[in-house]
Amino acid sequence: MEFLEPSITHKVEEMIREVERKHADDYKRFDSLLSKLKHAVPEHLHGTIAEIEDMYIKRVEDIEPIYRTGFEDCSKLINCILSYKAE
């Protein structure tokens, strides 16, 4: 199924762009809140705020493994159906 890799990669990238577009306003609000926190907390906690931001941004990294799992499950189902019909 390696021949499908470019299509899978393209679809994952498309999904990430869609999630980012859909949640752009949420991210702007989140970023604004973090900025306010940075000004309100002592400097030694700024690293913690940066970690929170990284965690928020990394949520889109879940898209690829989820999509690939669904794709693999669908492929297995199709193979199962085709095998059943062949019998």
C-alpha atoms as a PDB file:
ATOM      1  CA  MET A   1       0.000   0.000   0.000  1.00  0.00           C
ATOM      2  CA  GLU A   2       3.039   2.228  -0.254  1.00  0.00           C
ATOM      3  CA  PHE A   3       1.692   3.582  -3.544  1.00  0.00           C
ATOM      4  CA  LEU A   4      -1.090   5.259  -1.545  1.00  0.00           C
ATOM      5  CA  GLU A   5       1.333   7.126   0.731  1.00  0.00           C
ATOM      6  CA  PRO A   6       1.293  10.411  -1.245  1.00  0.00           C
ATOM      7  CA  SER A   7      -2.522  10.449  -1.174  1.00  0.00           C
ATOM      8  CA  ILE A   8      -2.611   9.671   2.537  1.00  0.00           C
ATOM      9  CA  THR A   9      -0.045  12.383   3.285  1.00  0.00           C
ATOM     10  CA  HIS A  10      -1.993  14.884   1.195  1.00  0.00           C
ATOM     11  CA  LYS A  11      -5.246  14.027   2.974  1.00  0.00           C
ATOM     12  CA  VAL A  12      -3.621  14.367   6.414  1.00  0.00           C
ATOM     13  CA  GLU A  13      -2.203  17.764   5.450  1.00  0.00           C
ATOM     14  CA  GLU A  14      -5.622  18.794   4.148  1.00  0.00           C
ATOM     15  CA  MET A  15      -7.254  17.748   7.409  1.00  0.00           C
ATOM     16  CA  ILE A  16      -4.679  19.659   9.486  1.00  0.00           C
ATOM     17  CA  ARG A  17      -5.277  22.815   7.435  1.00  0.00           C
ATOM     18  CA  GLU A  18      -9.031  22.418   7.914  1.00  0.00           C
ATOM     19  CA  VAL A  19      -8.703  21.980  11.694  1.00  0.00           C
ATOM     20  CA  GLU A  20      -6.402  24.994  11.906  1.00  0.00           C
ATOM     21  CA  ARG A  21      -8.805  27.074   9.800  1.00  0.00           C
ATOM     22  CA  LYS A  22     -11.807  25.957  11.812  1.00  0.00           C
ATOM     23  CA  HIS A  23     -10.139  26.772  15.134  1.00  0.00           C
ATOM     24  CA  ALA A  24      -8.219  29.903  14.133  1.00  0.00           C
ATOM     25  CA  ASP A  25     -10.420  32.147  16.297  1.00  0.00           C
ATOM     26  CA  ASP A  26     -10.001  29.799  19.266  1.00  0.00           C
ATOM     27  CA  TYR A  27      -6.219  29.879  18.857  1.00  0.00           C
ATOM     28  CA  LYS A  28      -6.205  33.691  18.690  1.00  0.00           C
ATOM     29  CA  ARG A  29      -8.220  33.808  21.918  1.00  0.00           C
ATOM     30  CA  PHE A  30      -5.955  31.191  23.526  1.00  0.00           C
ATOM     31  CA  ASP A  31      -2.863  33.157  22.473  1.00  0.00           C
ATOM     32  CA  SER A  32      -4.352  36.352  23.880  1.00  0.00           C
ATOM     33  CA  LEU A  33      -5.067  34.664  27.212  1.00  0.00           C
ATOM     34  CA  LEU A  34      -1.532  33.273  27.372  1.00  0.00           C
ATOM     35  CA  SER A  35      -0.127  36.713  26.683  1.00  0.00           C
ATOM     36  CA  LYS A  36      -2.149  38.136  29.570  1.00  0.00           C
ATOM     37  CA  LEU A  37      -0.889  35.326  31.812  1.00  0.00           C
ATOM     38  CA  LYS A  38       2.727  36.040  30.873  1.00  0.00           C
ATOM     39  CA  HIS A  39       2.273  39.617  32.021  1.00  0.00           C
ATOM     40  CA  ALA A  40       0.526  38.579  35.225  1.00  0.00           C
ATOM     41  CA  VAL A  41       2.850  35.832  36.478  1.00  0.00           C
ATOM     42  CA  PRO A  42       6.474  35.942  37.567  1.00  0.00           C
ATOM     43  CA  GLU A  43       9.050  35.450  34.826  1.00  0.00           C
ATOM     44  CA  HIS A  44      10.172  32.075  36.173  1.00  0.00           C
ATOM     45  CA  LEU A  45       6.716  30.690  35.179  1.00  0.00           C
ATOM     46  CA  HIS A  46       6.934  31.829  31.535  1.00  0.00           C
ATOM     47  CA  GLY A  47       8.426  28.463  30.567  1.00  0.00           C
ATOM     48  CA  THR A  48       5.355  26.736  31.978  1.00  0.00           C
ATOM     49  CA  ILE A  49       3.119  28.980  29.900  1.00  0.00           C
ATOM     50  CA  ALA A  50       5.174  28.089  26.809  1.00  0.00           C
ATOM     51  CA  GLU A  51       4.660  24.388  27.631  1.00  0.00           C
ATOM     52  CA  ILE A  52       0.907  24.926  27.797  1.00  0.00           C
ATOM     53  CA  GLU A  53       1.011  26.596  24.384  1.00  0.00           C
ATOM     54  CA  ASP A  54       3.054  23.711  22.941  1.00  0.00           C
ATOM     55  CA  MET A  55       0.493  21.237  24.258  1.00  0.00           C
ATOM     56  CA  TYR A  56      -2.320  23.194  22.618  1.00  0.00           C
ATOM     57  CA  ILE A  57      -0.488  23.329  19.292  1.00  0.00           C
ATOM     58  CA  LYS A  58       0.467  19.630  19.364  1.00  0.00           C
ATOM     59  CA  ARG A  59      -3.168  18.543  19.447  1.00  0.00           C
ATOM     60  CA  VAL A  60      -3.202  18.536  15.634  1.00  0.00           C
ATOM     61  CA  GLU A  61      -0.449  15.908  15.669  1.00  0.00           C
ATOM     62  CA  ASP A  62      -3.139  13.386  16.621  1.00  0.00           C
ATOM     63  CA  ILE A  63      -4.797  13.791  13.226  1.00  0.00           C
ATOM     64  CA  GLU A  64      -2.275  11.688  11.299  1.00  0.00           C
ATOM     65  CA  PRO A  65      -2.305   8.531  13.447  1.00  0.00           C
ATOM     66  CA  ILE A  66      -6.088   8.707  13.749  1.00  0.00           C
ATOM     67  CA  TYR A  67      -6.523   9.041   9.986  1.00  0.00           C
ATOM     68  CA  ARG A  68      -4.027   6.248   9.292  1.00  0.00           C
ATOM     69  CA  THR A  69      -5.762   3.917  11.766  1.00  0.00           C
ATOM     70  CA  GLY A  70      -9.122   4.586  10.135  1.00  0.00           C
ATOM     71  CA  PHE A  71      -7.635   4.060   6.689  1.00  0.00           C
ATOM     72  CA  GLU A  72      -6.022   0.772   7.720  1.00  0.00           C
ATOM     73  CA  ASP A  73      -9.265  -0.424   9.322  1.00  0.00           C
ATOM     74  CA  CYS A  74     -11.168   0.443   6.148  1.00  0.00           C
ATOM     75  CA  SER A  75      -8.587  -1.397   4.031  1.00  0.00           C
ATOM     76  CA  LYS A  76      -8.919  -4.496   6.217  1.00  0.00           C
ATOM     77  CA  LEU A  77     -12.705  -4.348   5.938  1.00  0.00           C
ATOM     78  CA  ILE A  78     -12.539  -4.058   2.146  1.00  0.00           C
ATOM     79  CA  ASN A  79     -10.122  -6.992   1.970  1.00  0.00           C
ATOM     80  CA  CYS A  80     -12.405  -9.027   4.231  1.00  0.00           C
ATOM     81  CA  ILE A  81     -15.434  -8.267   2.046  1.00  0.00           C
ATOM     82  CA  LEU A  82     -13.519  -9.091  -1.130  1.00  0.00           C
ATOM     83  CA  SER A  83     -12.259 -12.345   0.374  1.00  0.00           C
ATOM     84  CA  TYR A  84     -15.775 -13.271   1.435  1.00  0.00           C
ATOM     85  CA  LYS A  85     -17.163 -12.589  -2.047  1.00  0.00           C
ATOM     86  CA  ALA A  86     -14.388 -14.676  -3.601  1.00  0.00           C
ATOM     87  CA  GLU A  87     -15.423 -17.709  -1.600  1.00  0.00           C
END
